[in-house]
Amino acid sequence: MLRTTITVPEICERLGICEESVYDMLRTRQIPNIRYGRRFIISRAAYERWEASIGETTPPAAAVKSTDAAITAASRNTRPPKAA
């Protein structure tokens, strides 16, 4: 029977990364979790949904924001032509 939570060592094994990387991802909320004191509680269902979404394309709203930011940055770096 599977538990309703998943442990950091299980996540390390599934992702093939070290515990330090997993803890960094938990601290920055990249991996969904609940903080209880110094402990991280990770729902197995929430983790599996997150894991299934790895590598999916960015949502359209986020893509628009990043495109707008790139356009704004590019426009700041361009200068009008000098008058002769």
PDB file of N, CA and C in Angstrom:
ATOM      1  N   MET A   1       0.837  -1.174   0.000  1.00  0.00           N
ATOM      2  CA  MET A   1       0.000   0.000   0.000  1.00  0.00           C
ATOM      3  C   MET A   1       0.889   1.246   0.000  1.00  0.00           C
ATOM      4  N   LEU A   2       0.596   2.189  -0.870  1.00  0.00           N
ATOM      5  CA  LEU A   2       1.368   3.425  -0.947  1.00  0.00           C
ATOM      6  C   LEU A   2       0.931   4.407   0.124  1.00  0.00           C
ATOM      7  N   ARG A   3       1.905   5.113   0.690  1.00  0.00           N
ATOM      8  CA  ARG A   3       1.601   6.180   1.645  1.00  0.00           C
ATOM      9  C   ARG A   3       1.087   7.393   0.895  1.00  0.00           C
ATOM     10  N   THR A   4       0.445   8.310   1.608  1.00  0.00           N
ATOM     11  CA  THR A   4      -0.091   9.519   0.977  1.00  0.00           C
ATOM     12  C   THR A   4       0.976  10.593   0.815  1.00  0.00           C
ATOM     13  N   THR A   5       2.145  10.386   1.436  1.00  0.00           N
ATOM     14  CA  THR A   5       3.249  11.332   1.290  1.00  0.00           C
ATOM     15  C   THR A   5       4.420  10.634   0.616  1.00  0.00           C
ATOM     16  N   ILE A   6       5.334  11.445   0.098  1.00  0.00           N
ATOM     17  CA  ILE A   6       6.539  10.908  -0.532  1.00  0.00           C
ATOM     18  C   ILE A   6       7.738  11.511   0.186  1.00  0.00           C
ATOM     19  N   THR A   7       8.812  10.753   0.308  1.00  0.00           N
ATOM     20  CA  THR A   7       9.992  11.214   1.032  1.00  0.00           C
ATOM     21  C   THR A   7      11.022  11.824   0.079  1.00  0.00           C
ATOM     22  N   VAL A   8      11.929  12.595   0.650  1.00  0.00           N
ATOM     23  CA  VAL A   8      12.993  13.202  -0.148  1.00  0.00           C
ATOM     24  C   VAL A   8      13.856  12.127  -0.819  1.00  0.00           C
ATOM     25  N   PRO A   9      14.264  11.056  -0.115  1.00  0.00           N
ATOM     26  CA  PRO A   9      15.046  10.022  -0.807  1.00  0.00           C
ATOM     27  C   PRO A   9      14.290   9.391  -1.992  1.00  0.00           C
ATOM     28  N   GLU A  10      12.965   9.226  -1.869  1.00  0.00           N
ATOM     29  CA  GLU A  10      12.185   8.701  -2.993  1.00  0.00           C
ATOM     30  C   GLU A  10      12.234   9.658  -4.183  1.00  0.00           C
ATOM     31  N   ILE A  11      12.115  10.956  -3.904  1.00  0.00           N
ATOM     32  CA  ILE A  11      12.168  11.956  -4.971  1.00  0.00           C
ATOM     33  C   ILE A  11      13.552  11.948  -5.629  1.00  0.00           C
ATOM     34  N   CYS A  12      14.605  11.844  -4.807  1.00  0.00           N
ATOM     35  CA  CYS A  12      15.969  11.783  -5.338  1.00  0.00           C
ATOM     36  C   CYS A  12      16.117  10.630  -6.316  1.00  0.00           C
ATOM     37  N   GLU A  13      15.603   9.489  -5.920  1.00  0.00           N
ATOM     38  CA  GLU A  13      15.700   8.303  -6.764  1.00  0.00           C
ATOM     39  C   GLU A  13      14.911   8.476  -8.051  1.00  0.00           C
ATOM     40  N   ARG A  14      13.708   9.037  -7.956  1.00  0.00           N
ATOM     41  CA  ARG A  14      12.860   9.206  -9.139  1.00  0.00           C
ATOM     42  C   ARG A  14      13.431  10.220 -10.115  1.00  0.00           C
ATOM     43  N   LEU A  15      14.025  11.314  -9.591  1.00  0.00           N
ATOM     44  CA  LEU A  15      14.558  12.357 -10.466  1.00  0.00           C
ATOM     45  C   LEU A  15      16.032  12.157 -10.813  1.00  0.00           C
ATOM     46  N   GLY A  16      16.714  11.312 -10.041  1.00  0.00           N
ATOM     47  CA  GLY A  16      18.131  11.079 -10.289  1.00  0.00           C
ATOM     48  C   GLY A  16      18.999  12.262  -9.897  1.00  0.00           C
ATOM     49  N   ILE A  17      18.617  12.948  -8.814  1.00  0.00           N
ATOM     50  CA  ILE A  17      19.390  14.095  -8.330  1.00  0.00           C
ATOM     51  C   ILE A  17      19.678  13.905  -6.848  1.00  0.00           C
ATOM     52  N   CYS A  18      20.585  14.728  -6.313  1.00  0.00           N
ATOM     53  CA  CYS A  18      20.973  14.589  -4.907  1.00  0.00           C
ATOM     54  C   CYS A  18      19.948  15.245  -3.977  1.00  0.00           C
ATOM     55  N   GLU A  19      20.022  14.894  -2.688  1.00  0.00           N
ATOM     56  CA  GLU A  19      19.094  15.429  -1.690  1.00  0.00           C
ATOM     57  C   GLU A  19      19.186  16.944  -1.578  1.00  0.00           C
ATOM     58  N   GLU A  20      20.390  17.491  -1.676  1.00  0.00           N
ATOM     59  CA  GLU A  20      20.561  18.940  -1.576  1.00  0.00           C
ATOM     60  C   GLU A  20      19.753  19.655  -2.662  1.00  0.00           C
ATOM     61  N   SER A  21      19.764  19.122  -3.869  1.00  0.00           N
ATOM     62  CA  SER A  21      18.991  19.723  -4.965  1.00  0.00           C
ATOM     63  C   SER A  21      17.496  19.654  -4.691  1.00  0.00           C
ATOM     64  N   VAL A  22      17.045  18.519  -4.150  1.00  0.00           N
ATOM     65  CA  VAL A  22      15.627  18.377  -3.824  1.00  0.00           C
ATOM     66  C   VAL A  22      15.235  19.377  -2.742  1.00  0.00           C
ATOM     67  N   TYR A  23      16.057  19.512  -1.697  1.00  0.00           N
ATOM     68  CA  TYR A  23      15.748  20.472  -0.635  1.00  0.00           C
ATOM     69  C   TYR A  23      15.722  21.904  -1.175  1.00  0.00           C
ATOM     70  N   ASP A  24      16.627  22.239  -2.096  1.00  0.00           N
ATOM     71  CA  ASP A  24      16.594  23.568  -2.721  1.00  0.00           C
ATOM     72  C   ASP A  24      15.284  23.773  -3.472  1.00  0.00           C
ATOM     73  N   MET A  25      14.832  22.747  -4.194  1.00  0.00           N
ATOM     74  CA  MET A  25      13.576  22.841  -4.940  1.00  0.00           C
ATOM     75  C   MET A  25      12.382  22.957  -4.004  1.00  0.00           C
ATOM     76  N   LEU A  26      12.456  22.307  -2.855  1.00  0.00           N
ATOM     77  CA  LEU A  26      11.382  22.419  -1.864  1.00  0.00           C
ATOM     78  C   LEU A  26      11.356  23.813  -1.248  1.00  0.00           C
ATOM     79  N   ARG A  27      12.537  24.356  -0.903  1.00  0.00           N
ATOM     80  CA  ARG A  27      12.607  25.688  -0.303  1.00  0.00           C
ATOM     81  C   ARG A  27      12.068  26.760  -1.241  1.00  0.00           C
ATOM     82  N   THR A  28      12.327  26.629  -2.537  1.00  0.00           N
ATOM     83  CA  THR A  28      11.870  27.622  -3.516  1.00  0.00           C
ATOM     84  C   THR A  28      10.483  27.302  -4.056  1.00  0.00           C
ATOM     85  N   ARG A  29       9.851  26.265  -3.493  1.00  0.00           N
ATOM     86  CA  ARG A  29       8.484  25.860  -3.842  1.00  0.00           C
ATOM     87  C   ARG A  29       8.351  25.397  -5.289  1.00  0.00           C
ATOM     88  N   GLN A  30       9.447  24.950  -5.904  1.00  0.00           N
ATOM     89  CA  GLN A  30       9.354  24.361  -7.229  1.00  0.00           C
ATOM     90  C   GLN A  30       8.619  23.032  -7.145  1.00  0.00           C
ATOM     91  N   ILE A  31       8.874  22.289  -6.079  1.00  0.00           N
ATOM     92  CA  ILE A  31       8.141  21.050  -5.794  1.00  0.00           C
ATOM     93  C   ILE A  31       7.080  21.416  -4.767  1.00  0.00           C
ATOM     94  N   PRO A  32       5.800  21.082  -5.024  1.00  0.00           N
ATOM     95  CA  PRO A  32       4.740  21.452  -4.080  1.00  0.00           C
ATOM     96  C   PRO A  32       4.939  20.765  -2.729  1.00  0.00           C
ATOM     97  N   ASN A  33       4.791  21.538  -1.649  1.00  0.00           N
ATOM     98  CA  ASN A  33       4.985  20.984  -0.313  1.00  0.00           C
ATOM     99  C   ASN A  33       4.305  21.852   0.726  1.00  0.00           C
ATOM    100  N   ILE A  34       4.233  21.305   1.929  1.00  0.00           N
ATOM    101  CA  ILE A  34       3.732  22.032   3.091  1.00  0.00           C
ATOM    102  C   ILE A  34       4.876  22.044   4.086  1.00  0.00           C
ATOM    103  N   ARG A  35       5.124  23.177   4.685  1.00  0.00           N
ATOM    104  CA  ARG A  35       6.193  23.288   5.672  1.00  0.00           C
ATOM    105  C   ARG A  35       5.594  23.147   7.059  1.00  0.00           C
ATOM    106  N   TYR A  36       6.104  22.214   7.854  1.00  0.00           N
ATOM    107  CA  TYR A  36       5.666  22.024   9.230  1.00  0.00           C
ATOM    108  C   TYR A  36       6.905  22.122  10.104  1.00  0.00           C
ATOM    109  N   GLY A  37       7.121  23.316  10.673  1.00  0.00           N
ATOM    110  CA  GLY A  37       8.353  23.535  11.431  1.00  0.00           C
ATOM    111  C   GLY A  37       9.526  23.476  10.478  1.00  0.00           C
ATOM    112  N   ARG A  38      10.439  22.577  10.739  1.00  0.00           N
ATOM    113  CA  ARG A  38      11.610  22.409   9.861  1.00  0.00           C
ATOM    114  C   ARG A  38      11.397  21.312   8.837  1.00  0.00           C
ATOM    115  N   ARG A  39      10.266  20.646   8.891  1.00  0.00           N
ATOM    116  CA  ARG A  39      10.000  19.507   8.002  1.00  0.00           C
ATOM    117  C   ARG A  39       9.247  19.930   6.754  1.00  0.00           C
ATOM    118  N   PHE A  40       9.492  19.202   5.684  1.00  0.00           N
ATOM    119  CA  PHE A  40       8.737  19.373   4.446  1.00  0.00           C
ATOM    120  C   PHE A  40       7.807  18.179   4.319  1.00  0.00           C
ATOM    121  N   ILE A  41       6.523  18.438   4.140  1.00  0.00           N
ATOM    122  CA  ILE A  41       5.553  17.366   3.913  1.00  0.00           C
ATOM    123  C   ILE A  41       5.142  17.459   2.452  1.00  0.00           C
ATOM    124  N   ILE A  42       5.352  16.363   1.722  1.00  0.00           N
ATOM    125  CA  ILE A  42       5.120  16.365   0.284  1.00  0.00           C
ATOM    126  C   ILE A  42       4.023  15.357  -0.041  1.00  0.00           C
ATOM    127  N   SER A  43       2.901  15.843  -0.521  1.00  0.00           N
ATOM    128  CA  SER A  43       1.795  14.979  -0.912  1.00  0.00           C
ATOM    129  C   SER A  43       2.201  14.178  -2.145  1.00  0.00           C
ATOM    130  N   ARG A  44       2.011  12.863  -2.087  1.00  0.00           N
ATOM    131  CA  ARG A  44       2.359  12.010  -3.220  1.00  0.00           C
ATOM    132  C   ARG A  44       1.552  12.397  -4.456  1.00  0.00           C
ATOM    133  N   ALA A  45       0.254  12.677  -4.285  1.00  0.00           N
ATOM    134  CA  ALA A  45      -0.595  13.028  -5.424  1.00  0.00           C
ATOM    135  C   ALA A  45      -0.137  14.345  -6.055  1.00  0.00           C
ATOM    136  N   ALA A  46       0.151  15.354  -5.222  1.00  0.00           N
ATOM    137  CA  ALA A  46       0.605  16.646  -5.742  1.00  0.00           C
ATOM    138  C   ALA A  46       1.969  16.502  -6.416  1.00  0.00           C
ATOM    139  N   TYR A  47       2.847  15.705  -5.809  1.00  0.00           N
ATOM    140  CA  TYR A  47       4.166  15.498  -6.396  1.00  0.00           C
ATOM    141  C   TYR A  47       4.038  14.817  -7.753  1.00  0.00           C
ATOM    142  N   GLU A  48       3.210  13.785  -7.842  1.00  0.00           N
ATOM    143  CA  GLU A  48       3.069  13.064  -9.110  1.00  0.00           C
ATOM    144  C   GLU A  48       2.468  13.941 -10.201  1.00  0.00           C
ATOM    145  N   ARG A  49       1.529  14.838  -9.837  1.00  0.00           N
ATOM    146  CA  ARG A  49       1.008  15.799 -10.826  1.00  0.00           C
ATOM    147  C   ARG A  49       2.124  16.722 -11.296  1.00  0.00           C
ATOM    148  N   TRP A  50       2.945  17.210 -10.337  1.00  0.00           N
ATOM    149  CA  TRP A  50       4.057  18.080 -10.680  1.00  0.00           C
ATOM    150  C   TRP A  50       5.050  17.352 -11.579  1.00  0.00           C
ATOM    151  N   GLU A  51       5.391  16.120 -11.220  1.00  0.00           N
ATOM    152  CA  GLU A  51       6.364  15.344 -11.986  1.00  0.00           C
ATOM    153  C   GLU A  51       5.858  15.090 -13.413  1.00  0.00           C
ATOM    154  N   ALA A  52       4.572  14.858 -13.553  1.00  0.00           N
ATOM    155  CA  ALA A  52       3.995  14.620 -14.877  1.00  0.00           C
ATOM    156  C   ALA A  52       4.044  15.873 -15.752  1.00  0.00           C
ATOM    157  N   SER A  53       4.093  17.051 -15.124  1.00  0.00           N
ATOM    158  CA  SER A  53       4.084  18.294 -15.888  1.00  0.00           C
ATOM    159  C   SER A  53       5.488  18.781 -16.252  1.00  0.00           C
ATOM    160  N   ILE A  54       6.530  18.097 -15.804  1.00  0.00           N
ATOM    161  CA  ILE A  54       7.897  18.527 -16.106  1.00  0.00           C
ATOM    162  C   ILE A  54       8.098  18.476 -17.619  1.00  0.00           C
ATOM    163  N   GLY A  55       8.613  19.566 -18.162  1.00  0.00           N
ATOM    164  CA  GLY A  55       8.921  19.609 -19.585  1.00  0.00           C
ATOM    165  C   GLY A  55       7.775  20.066 -20.468  1.00  0.00           C
ATOM    166  N   GLU A  56       6.613  20.316 -19.884  1.00  0.00           N
ATOM    167  CA  GLU A  56       5.511  20.815 -20.690  1.00  0.00           C
ATOM    168  C   GLU A  56       5.791  22.258 -21.076  1.00  0.00           C
ATOM    169  N   THR A  57       5.139  22.715 -22.120  1.00  0.00           N
ATOM    170  CA  THR A  57       5.345  24.094 -22.557  1.00  0.00           C
ATOM    171  C   THR A  57       4.804  25.058 -21.523  1.00  0.00           C
ATOM    172  N   THR A  58       5.294  26.284 -21.559  1.00  0.00           N
ATOM    173  CA  THR A  58       4.831  27.291 -20.609  1.00  0.00           C
ATOM    174  C   THR A  58       3.419  27.711 -20.965  1.00  0.00           C
ATOM    175  N   PRO A  59       2.619  28.062 -19.979  1.00  0.00           N
ATOM    176  CA  PRO A  59       1.272  28.521 -20.262  1.00  0.00           C
ATOM    177  C   PRO A  59       1.304  29.786 -21.118  1.00  0.00           C
ATOM    178  N   PRO A  60       0.304  30.009 -21.945  1.00  0.00           N
ATOM    179  CA  PRO A  60       0.305  31.173 -22.823  1.00  0.00           C
ATOM    180  C   PRO A  60       0.500  32.494 -22.086  1.00  0.00           C
ATOM    181  N   ALA A  61      -0.092  32.671 -20.921  1.00  0.00           N
ATOM    182  CA  ALA A  61       0.055  33.931 -20.185  1.00  0.00           C
ATOM    183  C   ALA A  61       1.514  34.174 -19.817  1.00  0.00           C
ATOM    184  N   ALA A  62       2.206  33.139 -19.378  1.00  0.00           N
ATOM    185  CA  ALA A  62       3.617  33.295 -19.013  1.00  0.00           C
ATOM    186  C   ALA A  62       4.452  33.577 -20.255  1.00  0.00           C
ATOM    187  N   ALA A  63       4.104  32.958 -21.375  1.00  0.00           N
ATOM    188  CA  ALA A  63       4.840  33.190 -22.612  1.00  0.00           C
ATOM    189  C   ALA A  63       4.671  34.635 -23.071  1.00  0.00           C
ATOM    190  N   VAL A  64       3.479  35.168 -22.928  1.00  0.00           N
ATOM    191  CA  VAL A  64       3.225  36.550 -23.326  1.00  0.00           C
ATOM    192  C   VAL A  64       4.027  37.495 -22.446  1.00  0.00           C
ATOM    193  N   LYS A  65       4.060  37.246 -21.140  1.00  0.00           N
ATOM    194  CA  LYS A  65       4.808  38.108 -20.230  1.00  0.00           C
ATOM    195  C   LYS A  65       6.293  38.104 -20.583  1.00  0.00           C
ATOM    196  N   SER A  66       6.864  36.909 -20.870  1.00  0.00           N
ATOM    197  CA  SER A  66       8.289  36.855 -21.186  1.00  0.00           C
ATOM    198  C   SER A  66       8.569  37.534 -22.522  1.00  0.00           C
ATOM    199  N   THR A  67       7.654  37.426 -23.483  1.00  0.00           N
ATOM    200  CA  THR A  67       7.826  38.098 -24.763  1.00  0.00           C
ATOM    201  C   THR A  67       7.757  39.605 -24.584  1.00  0.00           C
ATOM    202  N   ASP A  68       6.797  40.081 -23.801  1.00  0.00           N
ATOM    203  CA  ASP A  68       6.689  41.513 -23.525  1.00  0.00           C
ATOM    204  C   ASP A  68       7.951  42.037 -22.848  1.00  0.00           C
ATOM    205  N   ALA A  69       8.487  41.278 -21.925  1.00  0.00           N
ATOM    206  CA  ALA A  69       9.701  41.693 -21.225  1.00  0.00           C
ATOM    207  C   ALA A  69      10.872  41.773 -22.198  1.00  0.00           C
ATOM    208  N   ALA A  70      10.961  40.825 -23.126  1.00  0.00           N
ATOM    209  CA  ALA A  70      12.044  40.830 -24.109  1.00  0.00           C
ATOM    210  C   ALA A  70      11.924  42.032 -25.039  1.00  0.00           C
ATOM    211  N   ILE A  71      10.701  42.350 -25.454  1.00  0.00           N
ATOM    212  CA  ILE A  71      10.483  43.500 -26.327  1.00  0.00           C
ATOM    213  C   ILE A  71      10.840  44.789 -25.596  1.00  0.00           C
ATOM    214  N   THR A  72      10.406  44.907 -24.349  1.00  0.00           N
ATOM    215  CA  THR A  72      10.714  46.107 -23.561  1.00  0.00           C
ATOM    216  C   THR A  72      12.217  46.260 -23.383  1.00  0.00           C
ATOM    217  N   ALA A  73      12.903  45.169 -23.074  1.00  0.00           N
ATOM    218  CA  ALA A  73      14.356  45.222 -22.895  1.00  0.00           C
ATOM    219  C   ALA A  73      15.045  45.599 -24.197  1.00  0.00           C
ATOM    220  N   ALA A  74      14.569  45.048 -25.300  1.00  0.00           N
ATOM    221  CA  ALA A  74      15.172  45.367 -26.600  1.00  0.00           C
ATOM    222  C   ALA A  74      14.952  46.829 -26.954  1.00  0.00           C
ATOM    223  N   SER A  75      13.779  47.362 -26.650  1.00  0.00           N
ATOM    224  CA  SER A  75      13.500  48.754 -26.996  1.00  0.00           C
ATOM    225  C   SER A  75      14.348  49.713 -26.163  1.00  0.00           C
ATOM    226  N   ARG A  76      14.723  49.316 -24.954  1.00  0.00           N
ATOM    227  CA  ARG A  76      15.577  50.164 -24.131  1.00  0.00           C
ATOM    228  C   ARG A  76      16.992  50.224 -24.689  1.00  0.00           C
ATOM    229  N   ASN A  77      17.400  49.174 -25.380  1.00  0.00           N
ATOM    230  CA  ASN A  77      18.767  49.095 -25.888  1.00  0.00           C
ATOM    231  C   ASN A  77      18.925  49.729 -27.265  1.00  0.00           C
ATOM    232  N   THR A  78      17.865  50.158 -27.890  1.00  0.00           N
ATOM    233  CA  THR A  78      17.971  50.771 -29.209  1.00  0.00           C
ATOM    234  C   THR A  78      17.920  52.279 -29.072  1.00  0.00           C
ATOM    235  N   ARG A  79      18.653  52.934 -29.893  1.00  0.00           N
ATOM    236  CA  ARG A  79      18.687  54.396 -29.879  1.00  0.00           C
ATOM    237  C   ARG A  79      18.136  54.908 -31.211  1.00  0.00           C
ATOM    238  N   PRO A  80      17.471  56.048 -31.186  1.00  0.00           N
ATOM    239  CA  PRO A  80      17.029  56.599 -32.462  1.00  0.00           C
ATOM    240  C   PRO A  80      18.234  57.039 -33.288  1.00  0.00           C
ATOM    241  N   PRO A  81      18.095  57.070 -34.601  1.00  0.00           N
ATOM    242  CA  PRO A  81      19.231  57.495 -35.435  1.00  0.00           C
ATOM    243  C   PRO A  81      19.609  58.946 -35.156  1.00  0.00           C
ATOM    244  N   LYS A  82      20.885  59.220 -35.246  1.00  0.00           N
ATOM    245  CA  LYS A  82      21.368  60.593 -35.011  1.00  0.00           C
ATOM    246  C   LYS A  82      20.980  61.488 -36.179  1.00  0.00           C
ATOM    247  N   ALA A  83      20.633  62.712 -35.852  1.00  0.00           N
ATOM    248  CA  ALA A  83      20.288  63.689 -36.903  1.00  0.00           C
ATOM    249  C   ALA A  83      21.562  64.148 -37.568  1.00  0.00           C
ATOM    250  N   ALA A  84      21.532  64.252 -38.868  1.00  0.00           N
ATOM    251  CA  ALA A  84      22.732  64.653 -39.610  1.00  0.00           C
ATOM    252  C   ALA A  84      22.880  66.131 -39.744  1.00  0.00           C
TER     253      ALA A  84
END
